């Protein structure tokens, strides 16, 4: 269908947030995912996040609005923040490691295709303990 891999990655990520599968991300769904990731946003902060990209003003985020948000966020982040964010997303607050496959997936979501050598290099940057 001519869809880019980045677009597909955004759709997959959207599905993680869209808990009930209705095609929108509500304030409640956004809050659940963020809390699962160990974040503690207030209801007002969650609503602000939705309002930031809610182009049609319906109070929810649909897929095109989500893709817009992800594209803007990706362009605003620096590579170090992306790596830290990717690590935190997949490692959770209580773990101290991330799998190479997970890092590669997050990089794809962020629009940064990485081959195995690049992932290995990123792992070495992240793992300053050199386990």
N, C-alpha and C. Protein backbone atom coordinates (compact mmCIF):
# COMPACT_ATOMS: atom_id res chain seq x y z
N UNK A 1 0.81 -1.21 0.00
CA UNK A 1 0.00 0.00 0.00
C UNK A 1 0.85 1.26 0.00
N UNK A 2 2.16 1.12 -0.19
CA UNK A 2 3.02 2.28 -0.30
C UNK A 2 3.33 2.93 1.04
N UNK A 3 2.89 2.33 2.09
CA UNK A 3 3.10 2.89 3.42
C UNK A 3 4.55 2.73 3.83
N UNK A 4 5.12 3.74 4.45
CA UNK A 4 6.50 3.65 4.86
C UNK A 4 6.62 2.77 6.10
N UNK A 5 7.83 2.26 6.30
CA UNK A 5 8.08 1.44 7.49
C UNK A 5 7.90 2.29 8.76
N UNK A 6 8.31 3.55 8.69
CA UNK A 6 8.13 4.45 9.83
C UNK A 6 6.65 4.59 10.17
N UNK A 7 5.83 4.75 9.15
CA UNK A 7 4.38 4.88 9.36
C UNK A 7 3.83 3.61 10.02
N UNK A 8 4.30 2.45 9.58
CA UNK A 8 3.85 1.19 10.17
C UNK A 8 4.29 1.10 11.62
N UNK A 9 5.51 1.54 11.92
CA UNK A 9 5.99 1.54 13.30
C UNK A 9 5.10 2.42 14.17
N UNK A 10 4.72 3.58 13.65
CA UNK A 10 3.83 4.47 14.41
C UNK A 10 2.47 3.82 14.64
N UNK A 11 1.97 3.12 13.64
CA UNK A 11 0.69 2.42 13.80
C UNK A 11 0.79 1.35 14.88
N UNK A 12 1.90 0.62 14.88
CA UNK A 12 2.10 -0.42 15.90
C UNK A 12 2.15 0.19 17.29
N UNK A 13 2.86 1.30 17.42
CA UNK A 13 2.95 1.98 18.70
C UNK A 13 1.59 2.51 19.13
N UNK A 14 0.85 3.06 18.18
CA UNK A 14 -0.50 3.55 18.46
C UNK A 14 -1.35 2.44 19.08
N UNK A 15 -1.20 1.23 18.54
CA UNK A 15 -1.95 0.09 19.06
C UNK A 15 -1.65 -0.23 20.51
N UNK A 16 -0.41 0.05 20.94
CA UNK A 16 -0.06 -0.16 22.35
C UNK A 16 -0.86 0.80 23.24
N UNK A 17 -1.00 2.04 22.79
CA UNK A 17 -1.72 3.04 23.57
C UNK A 17 -3.23 2.86 23.48
N UNK A 18 -3.72 2.45 22.33
CA UNK A 18 -5.17 2.30 22.10
C UNK A 18 -5.63 0.98 22.71
N UNK A 19 -5.77 0.98 24.03
CA UNK A 19 -6.04 -0.25 24.78
C UNK A 19 -7.31 -0.96 24.35
N UNK A 20 -8.38 -0.23 24.01
CA UNK A 20 -9.65 -0.87 23.67
C UNK A 20 -9.83 -1.07 22.17
N UNK A 21 -8.83 -0.64 21.37
CA UNK A 21 -8.87 -0.88 19.95
C UNK A 21 -9.92 -0.10 19.17
N UNK A 22 -10.36 1.03 19.73
CA UNK A 22 -11.43 1.80 19.06
C UNK A 22 -10.91 2.85 18.08
N UNK A 23 -9.58 2.91 17.90
CA UNK A 23 -9.01 3.86 16.94
C UNK A 23 -8.69 5.21 17.51
N UNK A 24 -8.83 5.37 18.83
CA UNK A 24 -8.45 6.62 19.48
C UNK A 24 -7.71 6.33 20.77
N UNK A 25 -6.88 7.29 21.17
CA UNK A 25 -6.21 7.23 22.47
C UNK A 25 -6.89 8.27 23.35
N UNK A 26 -7.47 7.81 24.44
CA UNK A 26 -8.12 8.71 25.38
C UNK A 26 -7.14 9.14 26.47
N UNK A 27 -7.54 10.11 27.26
CA UNK A 27 -6.72 10.54 28.40
C UNK A 27 -6.45 9.35 29.31
N UNK A 28 -7.46 8.52 29.55
CA UNK A 28 -7.31 7.36 30.43
C UNK A 28 -6.29 6.37 29.85
N UNK A 29 -6.38 6.09 28.55
CA UNK A 29 -5.45 5.16 27.92
C UNK A 29 -4.03 5.70 27.94
N UNK A 30 -3.87 6.97 27.65
CA UNK A 30 -2.55 7.60 27.69
C UNK A 30 -1.97 7.49 29.09
N UNK A 31 -2.79 7.77 30.09
CA UNK A 31 -2.34 7.68 31.48
C UNK A 31 -1.92 6.27 31.86
N UNK A 32 -2.68 5.27 31.43
CA UNK A 32 -2.34 3.88 31.76
C UNK A 32 -0.97 3.50 31.21
N UNK A 33 -0.74 3.83 29.94
CA UNK A 33 0.54 3.47 29.33
C UNK A 33 1.68 4.21 30.01
N UNK A 34 1.50 5.49 30.27
CA UNK A 34 2.58 6.26 30.90
C UNK A 34 2.87 5.73 32.30
N UNK A 35 1.83 5.34 33.03
CA UNK A 35 2.04 4.79 34.37
C UNK A 35 2.73 3.43 34.30
N UNK A 36 2.39 2.64 33.27
CA UNK A 36 3.07 1.36 33.07
C UNK A 36 4.56 1.57 32.83
N UNK A 37 4.89 2.72 32.26
CA UNK A 37 6.29 3.05 31.98
C UNK A 37 6.97 3.72 33.17
N UNK A 38 6.25 3.81 34.30
CA UNK A 38 6.83 4.37 35.50
C UNK A 38 6.71 5.88 35.62
N UNK A 39 5.97 6.51 34.73
CA UNK A 39 5.77 7.96 34.79
C UNK A 39 4.52 8.25 35.62
N UNK A 40 4.46 9.46 36.15
CA UNK A 40 3.32 9.83 36.99
C UNK A 40 2.74 11.18 36.58
N UNK A 41 2.22 11.27 35.36
CA UNK A 41 1.65 12.54 34.92
C UNK A 41 0.32 12.81 35.63
N UNK A 42 0.05 14.08 35.88
CA UNK A 42 -1.25 14.46 36.44
C UNK A 42 -2.30 14.39 35.34
N UNK A 43 -3.56 14.38 35.73
CA UNK A 43 -4.64 14.39 34.73
C UNK A 43 -4.53 15.61 33.83
N UNK A 44 -4.17 16.74 34.42
CA UNK A 44 -4.03 17.97 33.63
C UNK A 44 -2.89 17.85 32.62
N UNK A 45 -1.78 17.24 33.02
CA UNK A 45 -0.65 17.05 32.10
C UNK A 45 -1.04 16.11 30.96
N UNK A 46 -1.79 15.07 31.29
CA UNK A 46 -2.25 14.15 30.25
C UNK A 46 -3.16 14.87 29.26
N UNK A 47 -4.06 15.67 29.78
CA UNK A 47 -4.97 16.40 28.89
C UNK A 47 -4.20 17.38 28.03
N UNK A 48 -3.18 18.03 28.60
CA UNK A 48 -2.35 18.94 27.82
C UNK A 48 -1.65 18.21 26.67
N UNK A 49 -1.17 16.98 26.94
CA UNK A 49 -0.51 16.20 25.89
C UNK A 49 -1.48 15.90 24.76
N UNK A 50 -2.69 15.55 25.12
CA UNK A 50 -3.69 15.26 24.08
C UNK A 50 -4.06 16.53 23.34
N UNK A 51 -4.29 17.62 24.07
CA UNK A 51 -4.67 18.88 23.43
C UNK A 51 -3.61 19.38 22.46
N UNK A 52 -2.35 19.05 22.75
CA UNK A 52 -1.24 19.49 21.90
C UNK A 52 -1.38 19.01 20.46
N UNK A 53 -1.97 17.84 20.27
CA UNK A 53 -2.06 17.27 18.92
C UNK A 53 -3.49 16.96 18.48
N UNK A 54 -4.47 17.31 19.30
CA UNK A 54 -5.87 16.99 19.00
C UNK A 54 -6.42 17.99 17.97
N UNK A 55 -6.09 17.75 16.70
CA UNK A 55 -6.42 18.69 15.63
C UNK A 55 -7.93 18.87 15.44
N UNK A 56 -8.71 17.81 15.65
CA UNK A 56 -10.15 17.93 15.43
C UNK A 56 -10.92 18.33 16.69
N UNK A 57 -10.20 18.48 17.83
CA UNK A 57 -10.82 18.98 19.04
C UNK A 57 -11.80 18.04 19.72
N UNK A 58 -11.70 16.73 19.44
CA UNK A 58 -12.66 15.79 20.04
C UNK A 58 -12.22 15.25 21.40
N UNK A 59 -11.03 15.64 21.86
CA UNK A 59 -10.57 15.22 23.19
C UNK A 59 -9.79 13.92 23.19
N UNK A 60 -9.64 13.29 22.03
CA UNK A 60 -8.87 12.05 21.89
C UNK A 60 -7.82 12.24 20.82
N UNK A 61 -6.88 11.29 20.75
CA UNK A 61 -5.88 11.29 19.69
C UNK A 61 -6.20 10.15 18.74
N UNK A 62 -6.41 10.47 17.46
CA UNK A 62 -6.59 9.41 16.47
C UNK A 62 -5.24 9.13 15.80
N UNK A 63 -5.21 8.16 14.91
CA UNK A 63 -3.93 7.75 14.32
C UNK A 63 -3.21 8.89 13.59
N UNK A 64 -3.88 9.67 12.71
CA UNK A 64 -3.14 10.75 12.05
C UNK A 64 -2.57 11.77 13.05
N UNK A 65 -3.31 12.06 14.11
CA UNK A 65 -2.81 12.99 15.12
C UNK A 65 -1.61 12.38 15.85
N UNK A 66 -1.67 11.08 16.12
CA UNK A 66 -0.57 10.39 16.80
C UNK A 66 0.68 10.40 15.93
N UNK A 67 0.52 10.14 14.64
CA UNK A 67 1.67 10.16 13.73
C UNK A 67 2.28 11.55 13.70
N UNK A 68 1.45 12.58 13.69
CA UNK A 68 1.94 13.95 13.74
C UNK A 68 2.75 14.19 15.01
N UNK A 69 2.22 13.75 16.15
CA UNK A 69 2.92 13.91 17.43
C UNK A 69 4.26 13.19 17.40
N UNK A 70 4.26 11.93 16.98
CA UNK A 70 5.50 11.16 16.97
C UNK A 70 6.53 11.78 16.04
N UNK A 71 6.09 12.24 14.89
CA UNK A 71 7.01 12.86 13.94
C UNK A 71 7.63 14.12 14.53
N UNK A 72 6.81 14.94 15.18
CA UNK A 72 7.32 16.17 15.79
C UNK A 72 8.27 15.85 16.93
N UNK A 73 7.89 14.91 17.78
CA UNK A 73 8.75 14.54 18.92
C UNK A 73 10.08 14.00 18.43
N UNK A 74 10.04 13.16 17.42
CA UNK A 74 11.27 12.56 16.89
C UNK A 74 12.22 13.65 16.39
N UNK A 75 11.66 14.66 15.74
CA UNK A 75 12.49 15.74 15.21
C UNK A 75 13.05 16.64 16.31
N UNK A 76 12.42 16.63 17.48
CA UNK A 76 12.86 17.49 18.58
C UNK A 76 13.90 16.83 19.48
N UNK A 77 14.00 15.50 19.44
CA UNK A 77 14.89 14.79 20.36
C UNK A 77 16.30 14.71 19.81
N UNK A 78 17.26 14.70 20.72
CA UNK A 78 18.62 14.45 20.28
C UNK A 78 18.91 12.95 20.47
N UNK A 79 19.94 12.43 19.81
CA UNK A 79 20.19 10.99 19.86
C UNK A 79 20.40 10.45 21.27
N UNK A 80 21.07 11.20 22.13
CA UNK A 80 21.30 10.74 23.50
C UNK A 80 19.97 10.57 24.23
N UNK A 81 19.05 11.55 24.08
CA UNK A 81 17.73 11.45 24.71
C UNK A 81 16.96 10.26 24.16
N UNK A 82 17.10 10.00 22.86
CA UNK A 82 16.41 8.87 22.25
C UNK A 82 16.90 7.56 22.86
N UNK A 83 18.21 7.43 23.04
CA UNK A 83 18.75 6.20 23.61
C UNK A 83 18.28 6.01 25.05
N UNK A 84 18.33 7.08 25.84
CA UNK A 84 17.88 7.00 27.22
C UNK A 84 16.39 6.67 27.27
N UNK A 85 15.61 7.33 26.43
CA UNK A 85 14.17 7.06 26.38
C UNK A 85 13.88 5.63 25.96
N UNK A 86 14.61 5.14 24.98
CA UNK A 86 14.42 3.76 24.53
C UNK A 86 14.77 2.79 25.65
N UNK A 87 15.85 3.05 26.34
CA UNK A 87 16.25 2.18 27.44
C UNK A 87 15.17 2.17 28.52
N UNK A 88 14.71 3.35 28.91
CA UNK A 88 13.70 3.43 29.96
C UNK A 88 12.39 2.77 29.54
N UNK A 89 12.02 2.91 28.29
CA UNK A 89 10.78 2.31 27.80
C UNK A 89 10.81 0.80 27.95
N UNK A 90 11.91 0.18 27.57
CA UNK A 90 11.94 -1.27 27.56
C UNK A 90 12.53 -1.89 28.81
N UNK A 91 13.30 -1.15 29.58
CA UNK A 91 13.91 -1.77 30.75
C UNK A 91 13.02 -1.65 31.98
N UNK A 92 12.20 -0.59 32.04
CA UNK A 92 11.36 -0.39 33.22
C UNK A 92 12.20 0.13 34.37
N UNK A 93 11.53 0.56 35.41
CA UNK A 93 12.21 1.20 36.54
C UNK A 93 13.05 0.20 37.35
N UNK A 94 12.69 -1.08 37.32
CA UNK A 94 13.34 -2.05 38.19
C UNK A 94 14.37 -2.91 37.48
N UNK A 95 14.59 -2.72 36.22
CA UNK A 95 15.56 -3.52 35.48
C UNK A 95 16.76 -2.67 35.12
N UNK A 96 17.85 -3.33 34.86
CA UNK A 96 19.07 -2.59 34.51
C UNK A 96 19.63 -3.02 33.17
N UNK A 97 18.79 -3.56 32.31
CA UNK A 97 19.27 -3.98 31.00
C UNK A 97 18.17 -3.84 29.96
N UNK A 98 18.60 -3.87 28.73
CA UNK A 98 17.68 -3.82 27.59
C UNK A 98 18.18 -4.82 26.57
N UNK A 99 17.26 -5.51 25.93
CA UNK A 99 17.65 -6.46 24.90
C UNK A 99 17.95 -5.73 23.60
N UNK A 100 18.89 -6.25 22.83
CA UNK A 100 19.26 -5.64 21.55
C UNK A 100 18.06 -5.55 20.62
N UNK A 101 17.22 -6.59 20.61
CA UNK A 101 16.05 -6.61 19.74
C UNK A 101 15.09 -5.46 20.10
N UNK A 102 14.94 -5.20 21.41
CA UNK A 102 14.06 -4.13 21.85
C UNK A 102 14.60 -2.77 21.44
N UNK A 103 15.90 -2.58 21.60
CA UNK A 103 16.51 -1.32 21.21
C UNK A 103 16.35 -1.09 19.71
N UNK A 104 16.53 -2.14 18.94
CA UNK A 104 16.39 -2.02 17.49
C UNK A 104 14.95 -1.64 17.14
N UNK A 105 13.97 -2.21 17.83
CA UNK A 105 12.56 -1.88 17.60
C UNK A 105 12.26 -0.42 17.93
N UNK A 106 12.78 0.04 19.05
CA UNK A 106 12.54 1.43 19.45
C UNK A 106 13.18 2.38 18.45
N UNK A 107 14.37 2.06 18.00
CA UNK A 107 15.03 2.92 17.02
C UNK A 107 14.19 3.00 15.75
N UNK A 108 13.59 1.90 15.35
CA UNK A 108 12.73 1.90 14.17
C UNK A 108 11.52 2.79 14.41
N UNK A 109 10.94 2.71 15.60
CA UNK A 109 9.79 3.56 15.93
C UNK A 109 10.18 5.03 15.86
N UNK A 110 11.40 5.32 16.27
CA UNK A 110 11.88 6.70 16.24
C UNK A 110 12.31 7.13 14.85
N UNK A 111 12.19 6.21 13.89
CA UNK A 111 12.54 6.55 12.51
C UNK A 111 14.00 6.39 12.19
N UNK A 112 14.72 5.71 13.06
CA UNK A 112 16.15 5.50 12.87
C UNK A 112 16.40 4.03 12.63
N UNK A 113 16.53 3.64 11.38
CA UNK A 113 16.83 2.25 11.08
C UNK A 113 18.26 1.97 11.49
N UNK A 114 18.47 0.86 12.19
CA UNK A 114 19.80 0.50 12.67
C UNK A 114 20.09 -0.95 12.33
N UNK A 115 21.27 -1.19 11.74
CA UNK A 115 21.64 -2.59 11.49
C UNK A 115 22.26 -3.16 12.77
N UNK A 116 22.60 -4.44 12.74
CA UNK A 116 23.08 -5.10 13.95
C UNK A 116 24.35 -4.46 14.51
N UNK A 117 25.25 -4.02 13.62
CA UNK A 117 26.48 -3.38 14.08
C UNK A 117 26.18 -2.06 14.79
N UNK A 118 25.23 -1.29 14.24
CA UNK A 118 24.86 -0.01 14.87
C UNK A 118 24.19 -0.24 16.22
N UNK A 119 23.36 -1.27 16.31
CA UNK A 119 22.71 -1.59 17.57
C UNK A 119 23.77 -1.99 18.61
N UNK A 120 24.73 -2.79 18.19
CA UNK A 120 25.81 -3.19 19.08
C UNK A 120 26.57 -1.97 19.60
N UNK A 121 26.84 -1.02 18.70
CA UNK A 121 27.54 0.21 19.10
C UNK A 121 26.71 1.00 20.11
N UNK A 122 25.39 1.09 19.87
CA UNK A 122 24.52 1.79 20.81
C UNK A 122 24.50 1.09 22.16
N UNK A 123 24.47 -0.24 22.13
CA UNK A 123 24.48 -1.00 23.38
C UNK A 123 25.75 -0.70 24.17
N UNK A 124 26.86 -0.57 23.46
CA UNK A 124 28.13 -0.25 24.13
C UNK A 124 28.11 1.16 24.73
N UNK A 125 27.44 2.09 24.05
CA UNK A 125 27.31 3.45 24.59
C UNK A 125 26.46 3.44 25.85
N UNK A 126 25.34 2.71 25.78
CA UNK A 126 24.43 2.65 26.92
C UNK A 126 25.06 1.92 28.09
N UNK A 127 25.76 0.83 27.80
CA UNK A 127 26.31 -0.02 28.85
C UNK A 127 27.70 0.46 29.23
N UNK A 128 27.77 1.49 30.04
CA UNK A 128 29.08 1.99 30.43
C UNK A 128 29.73 1.10 31.48
N UNK A 129 29.00 0.09 31.96
CA UNK A 129 29.57 -0.88 32.89
C UNK A 129 30.36 -1.94 32.14
N UNK A 130 30.08 -2.11 30.85
CA UNK A 130 30.70 -3.11 29.99
C UNK A 130 30.60 -4.50 30.61
N UNK A 131 29.38 -4.90 30.91
CA UNK A 131 29.15 -6.22 31.55
C UNK A 131 29.73 -7.30 30.70
